[in-house]
């Protein structure tokens, strides 16, 4: 960022390796307009990325489930294995 934040308001997490002071707020998106707005921006960005990934890896169906753990998504991971974009924390429950 061009302007370094003085503090981070986080939705229930503390981000490791960050030297800026952080405040993890449980249900932060319901308590802070800043966190709620960031959540909307993150979701819209993720949905757009999933459509782009779907064009490259159509076998996973990213455009339809946006990366959430739907039955079709889990079935695709089991059939094709994890892709380079799958988070190991997500797939560890399915493979």
N, C-alpha and C. Protein backbone atom coordinates (compact mmCIF):
# COMPACT_ATOMS: atom_id res chain seq x y z
N UNK A 1 0.83 -1.19 0.00
CA UNK A 1 0.00 0.00 0.00
C UNK A 1 0.87 1.25 0.00
N UNK A 2 0.39 2.29 -0.64
CA UNK A 2 1.12 3.57 -0.62
C UNK A 2 1.14 4.16 0.78
N UNK A 3 0.03 4.02 1.48
CA UNK A 3 -0.06 4.50 2.86
C UNK A 3 -0.01 3.28 3.77
N UNK A 4 0.92 3.26 4.69
CA UNK A 4 1.04 2.13 5.61
C UNK A 4 -0.03 2.27 6.70
N UNK A 5 -0.87 1.26 6.86
CA UNK A 5 -1.90 1.34 7.90
C UNK A 5 -1.27 1.40 9.29
N UNK A 6 -1.95 2.07 10.19
CA UNK A 6 -1.48 2.13 11.58
C UNK A 6 -1.93 0.91 12.36
N UNK A 7 -3.03 0.29 11.91
CA UNK A 7 -3.57 -0.87 12.62
C UNK A 7 -4.41 -1.68 11.63
N UNK A 8 -4.46 -2.99 11.83
CA UNK A 8 -5.28 -3.87 11.00
C UNK A 8 -6.45 -4.39 11.83
N UNK A 9 -7.64 -4.24 11.29
CA UNK A 9 -8.82 -4.86 11.90
C UNK A 9 -9.07 -6.15 11.12
N UNK A 10 -8.99 -7.28 11.78
CA UNK A 10 -9.10 -8.58 11.12
C UNK A 10 -10.35 -9.32 11.58
N UNK A 11 -10.90 -10.08 10.67
CA UNK A 11 -12.08 -10.88 10.98
C UNK A 11 -11.66 -12.17 11.67
N UNK A 12 -11.46 -12.10 12.96
CA UNK A 12 -11.21 -13.25 13.85
C UNK A 12 -9.85 -13.92 13.71
N UNK A 13 -8.93 -13.33 12.95
CA UNK A 13 -7.61 -13.95 12.79
C UNK A 13 -6.51 -12.95 13.07
N UNK A 14 -5.33 -13.47 13.36
CA UNK A 14 -4.12 -12.67 13.42
C UNK A 14 -3.23 -13.18 12.30
N UNK A 15 -2.75 -12.29 11.47
CA UNK A 15 -1.94 -12.68 10.32
C UNK A 15 -0.48 -12.77 10.76
N UNK A 16 0.13 -13.95 10.62
CA UNK A 16 1.53 -14.10 11.05
C UNK A 16 2.48 -13.30 10.16
N UNK A 17 3.58 -12.85 10.75
CA UNK A 17 4.62 -12.17 9.99
C UNK A 17 4.33 -10.71 9.67
N UNK A 18 3.29 -10.16 10.24
CA UNK A 18 2.94 -8.76 10.00
C UNK A 18 3.37 -7.93 11.21
N UNK A 19 4.09 -6.86 10.97
CA UNK A 19 4.56 -6.04 12.08
C UNK A 19 3.58 -4.94 12.48
N UNK A 20 2.60 -4.68 11.65
CA UNK A 20 1.57 -3.68 11.97
C UNK A 20 0.68 -4.25 13.08
N UNK A 21 0.35 -3.45 14.08
CA UNK A 21 -0.56 -3.95 15.13
C UNK A 21 -1.88 -4.45 14.53
N UNK A 22 -2.39 -5.55 15.10
CA UNK A 22 -3.60 -6.17 14.59
C UNK A 22 -4.63 -6.34 15.70
N UNK A 23 -5.88 -6.22 15.31
CA UNK A 23 -6.98 -6.46 16.25
C UNK A 23 -7.90 -7.51 15.62
N UNK A 24 -7.82 -8.77 16.09
CA UNK A 24 -8.75 -9.77 15.57
C UNK A 24 -10.11 -9.58 16.24
N UNK A 25 -11.15 -9.46 15.43
CA UNK A 25 -12.50 -9.20 15.94
C UNK A 25 -13.40 -10.37 15.54
N UNK A 26 -13.92 -11.08 16.53
CA UNK A 26 -14.85 -12.17 16.25
C UNK A 26 -16.10 -11.59 15.60
N UNK A 27 -16.53 -12.24 14.51
CA UNK A 27 -17.67 -11.75 13.71
C UNK A 27 -17.43 -10.30 13.27
N UNK A 28 -16.18 -10.05 12.88
CA UNK A 28 -15.76 -8.70 12.51
C UNK A 28 -16.56 -8.11 11.37
N UNK A 29 -16.99 -8.95 10.42
CA UNK A 29 -17.75 -8.41 9.29
C UNK A 29 -19.12 -7.88 9.72
N UNK A 30 -19.62 -8.32 10.86
CA UNK A 30 -20.90 -7.81 11.39
C UNK A 30 -20.70 -6.61 12.31
N UNK A 31 -19.47 -6.39 12.76
CA UNK A 31 -19.19 -5.33 13.72
C UNK A 31 -18.44 -4.14 13.14
N UNK A 32 -17.80 -4.33 11.99
CA UNK A 32 -16.97 -3.27 11.41
C UNK A 32 -17.30 -3.10 9.94
N UNK A 33 -17.64 -1.86 9.55
CA UNK A 33 -17.91 -1.60 8.14
C UNK A 33 -16.67 -1.82 7.28
N UNK A 34 -15.50 -1.55 7.83
CA UNK A 34 -14.25 -1.76 7.09
C UNK A 34 -14.04 -3.24 6.79
N UNK A 35 -14.26 -4.08 7.79
CA UNK A 35 -14.09 -5.52 7.59
C UNK A 35 -15.18 -6.05 6.64
N UNK A 36 -16.40 -5.57 6.80
CA UNK A 36 -17.50 -6.00 5.92
C UNK A 36 -17.20 -5.62 4.46
N UNK A 37 -16.72 -4.41 4.23
CA UNK A 37 -16.40 -3.98 2.87
C UNK A 37 -15.25 -4.81 2.29
N UNK A 38 -14.24 -5.06 3.11
CA UNK A 38 -13.12 -5.89 2.64
C UNK A 38 -13.59 -7.30 2.31
N UNK A 39 -14.54 -7.81 3.08
CA UNK A 39 -15.08 -9.14 2.82
C UNK A 39 -15.80 -9.20 1.48
N UNK A 40 -16.56 -8.18 1.16
CA UNK A 40 -17.26 -8.13 -0.12
C UNK A 40 -16.26 -8.04 -1.27
N UNK A 41 -15.27 -7.19 -1.13
CA UNK A 41 -14.25 -7.05 -2.17
C UNK A 41 -13.51 -8.37 -2.37
N UNK A 42 -13.17 -9.04 -1.29
CA UNK A 42 -12.47 -10.33 -1.38
C UNK A 42 -13.32 -11.38 -2.09
N UNK A 43 -14.62 -11.42 -1.78
CA UNK A 43 -15.49 -12.42 -2.40
C UNK A 43 -15.66 -12.16 -3.89
N UNK A 44 -15.87 -10.92 -4.28
CA UNK A 44 -16.02 -10.57 -5.69
C UNK A 44 -14.73 -10.89 -6.45
N UNK A 45 -13.58 -10.57 -5.85
CA UNK A 45 -12.29 -10.86 -6.48
C UNK A 45 -12.10 -12.37 -6.62
N UNK A 46 -12.42 -13.12 -5.58
CA UNK A 46 -12.29 -14.58 -5.64
C UNK A 46 -13.20 -15.17 -6.72
N UNK A 47 -14.44 -14.70 -6.81
CA UNK A 47 -15.36 -15.20 -7.82
C UNK A 47 -14.82 -14.95 -9.23
N UNK A 48 -14.25 -13.77 -9.46
CA UNK A 48 -13.67 -13.46 -10.77
C UNK A 48 -12.48 -14.37 -11.07
N UNK A 49 -11.62 -14.57 -10.07
CA UNK A 49 -10.47 -15.46 -10.26
C UNK A 49 -10.92 -16.89 -10.56
N UNK A 50 -11.96 -17.35 -9.89
CA UNK A 50 -12.43 -18.71 -10.12
C UNK A 50 -12.93 -18.89 -11.55
N UNK A 51 -13.56 -17.86 -12.11
CA UNK A 51 -14.00 -17.93 -13.51
C UNK A 51 -12.79 -18.03 -14.44
N UNK A 52 -11.73 -17.28 -14.12
CA UNK A 52 -10.51 -17.35 -14.93
C UNK A 52 -9.85 -18.72 -14.81
N UNK A 53 -9.79 -19.27 -13.60
CA UNK A 53 -9.21 -20.60 -13.41
C UNK A 53 -10.04 -21.66 -14.12
N UNK A 54 -11.34 -21.46 -14.18
CA UNK A 54 -12.21 -22.42 -14.85
C UNK A 54 -11.87 -22.53 -16.33
N UNK A 55 -11.47 -21.43 -16.94
CA UNK A 55 -11.09 -21.46 -18.36
C UNK A 55 -9.83 -22.28 -18.58
N UNK A 56 -8.95 -22.32 -17.58
CA UNK A 56 -7.68 -23.05 -17.69
C UNK A 56 -7.83 -24.49 -17.22
N UNK A 57 -8.66 -24.71 -16.21
CA UNK A 57 -8.85 -26.05 -15.62
C UNK A 57 -10.35 -26.36 -15.53
N UNK A 58 -11.02 -26.56 -16.66
CA UNK A 58 -12.47 -26.75 -16.64
C UNK A 58 -12.94 -28.01 -15.91
N UNK A 59 -12.06 -28.97 -15.76
CA UNK A 59 -12.44 -30.22 -15.10
C UNK A 59 -12.86 -30.01 -13.63
N UNK A 60 -12.43 -28.93 -13.02
CA UNK A 60 -12.77 -28.69 -11.62
C UNK A 60 -14.08 -27.93 -11.44
N UNK A 61 -14.59 -27.29 -12.47
CA UNK A 61 -15.86 -26.58 -12.37
C UNK A 61 -15.84 -25.34 -11.50
N UNK A 62 -14.69 -24.66 -11.45
CA UNK A 62 -14.55 -23.49 -10.57
C UNK A 62 -15.60 -22.41 -10.83
N UNK A 63 -16.02 -22.23 -12.08
CA UNK A 63 -16.99 -21.18 -12.40
C UNK A 63 -18.33 -21.41 -11.72
N UNK A 64 -18.66 -22.66 -11.48
CA UNK A 64 -19.98 -22.94 -10.87
C UNK A 64 -19.95 -22.94 -9.35
N UNK A 65 -18.88 -23.41 -8.74
CA UNK A 65 -18.87 -23.50 -7.27
C UNK A 65 -17.94 -22.48 -6.61
N UNK A 66 -17.18 -21.75 -7.42
CA UNK A 66 -16.28 -20.68 -6.95
C UNK A 66 -15.26 -21.14 -5.92
N UNK A 67 -14.95 -22.43 -5.91
CA UNK A 67 -13.94 -22.94 -5.00
C UNK A 67 -14.47 -23.44 -3.67
N UNK A 68 -15.78 -23.32 -3.46
CA UNK A 68 -16.35 -23.83 -2.21
C UNK A 68 -16.44 -25.36 -2.27
N UNK A 69 -16.57 -25.98 -1.13
CA UNK A 69 -16.52 -27.44 -1.03
C UNK A 69 -17.82 -28.13 -1.42
N UNK A 70 -18.30 -27.88 -2.62
CA UNK A 70 -19.52 -28.55 -3.08
C UNK A 70 -19.21 -30.01 -3.42
N UNK A 71 -20.26 -30.79 -3.56
CA UNK A 71 -20.08 -32.21 -3.89
C UNK A 71 -19.36 -32.38 -5.21
N UNK A 72 -19.67 -31.55 -6.21
CA UNK A 72 -19.00 -31.67 -7.51
C UNK A 72 -17.53 -31.26 -7.42
N UNK A 73 -17.24 -30.29 -6.59
CA UNK A 73 -15.85 -29.88 -6.41
C UNK A 73 -15.04 -30.99 -5.75
N UNK A 74 -15.57 -31.56 -4.71
CA UNK A 74 -14.88 -32.65 -4.01
C UNK A 74 -14.69 -33.84 -4.93
N UNK A 75 -15.72 -34.16 -5.73
CA UNK A 75 -15.62 -35.27 -6.68
C UNK A 75 -14.51 -35.01 -7.69
N UNK A 76 -14.39 -33.76 -8.16
CA UNK A 76 -13.34 -33.43 -9.12
C UNK A 76 -11.96 -33.57 -8.51
N UNK A 77 -11.81 -33.16 -7.25
CA UNK A 77 -10.51 -33.31 -6.58
C UNK A 77 -10.16 -34.79 -6.46
N UNK A 78 -11.14 -35.61 -6.12
CA UNK A 78 -10.87 -37.05 -5.99
C UNK A 78 -10.53 -37.68 -7.34
N UNK A 79 -11.18 -37.19 -8.41
CA UNK A 79 -10.93 -37.77 -9.73
C UNK A 79 -9.62 -37.27 -10.36
N UNK A 80 -9.36 -35.96 -10.26
CA UNK A 80 -8.21 -35.37 -10.95
C UNK A 80 -7.03 -35.04 -10.04
N UNK A 81 -7.25 -35.15 -8.73
CA UNK A 81 -6.21 -34.75 -7.79
C UNK A 81 -6.25 -33.24 -7.60
N UNK A 82 -5.51 -32.76 -6.63
CA UNK A 82 -5.51 -31.31 -6.39
C UNK A 82 -4.76 -30.56 -7.49
N UNK A 83 -5.22 -29.37 -7.78
CA UNK A 83 -4.52 -28.52 -8.75
C UNK A 83 -3.50 -27.66 -8.00
N UNK A 84 -2.75 -26.91 -8.74
CA UNK A 84 -1.74 -26.04 -8.14
C UNK A 84 -2.36 -24.93 -7.29
N UNK A 85 -3.63 -24.62 -7.52
CA UNK A 85 -4.26 -23.53 -6.76
C UNK A 85 -5.02 -24.03 -5.54
N UNK A 86 -5.17 -25.34 -5.38
CA UNK A 86 -5.88 -25.86 -4.20
C UNK A 86 -5.03 -25.66 -2.95
N UNK A 87 -5.66 -25.19 -1.91
CA UNK A 87 -4.96 -25.03 -0.62
C UNK A 87 -4.91 -26.39 0.07
N UNK A 88 -3.75 -26.72 0.59
CA UNK A 88 -3.63 -28.00 1.28
C UNK A 88 -4.52 -28.05 2.51
N UNK A 89 -4.79 -26.91 3.14
CA UNK A 89 -5.69 -26.90 4.30
C UNK A 89 -7.11 -27.23 3.90
N UNK A 90 -7.48 -26.95 2.64
CA UNK A 90 -8.82 -27.27 2.15
C UNK A 90 -8.92 -28.74 1.75
N UNK A 91 -7.96 -29.21 0.98
CA UNK A 91 -8.08 -30.55 0.40
C UNK A 91 -7.72 -31.69 1.36
N UNK A 92 -7.06 -31.38 2.46
CA UNK A 92 -6.62 -32.44 3.35
C UNK A 92 -7.79 -33.28 3.87
N UNK A 93 -8.98 -32.74 3.89
CA UNK A 93 -10.15 -33.48 4.36
C UNK A 93 -10.76 -34.37 3.29
N UNK A 94 -10.29 -34.23 2.03
CA UNK A 94 -10.93 -34.95 0.94
C UNK A 94 -10.04 -35.96 0.24
N UNK A 95 -8.71 -35.84 0.43
CA UNK A 95 -7.83 -36.78 -0.28
C UNK A 95 -7.01 -37.56 0.73
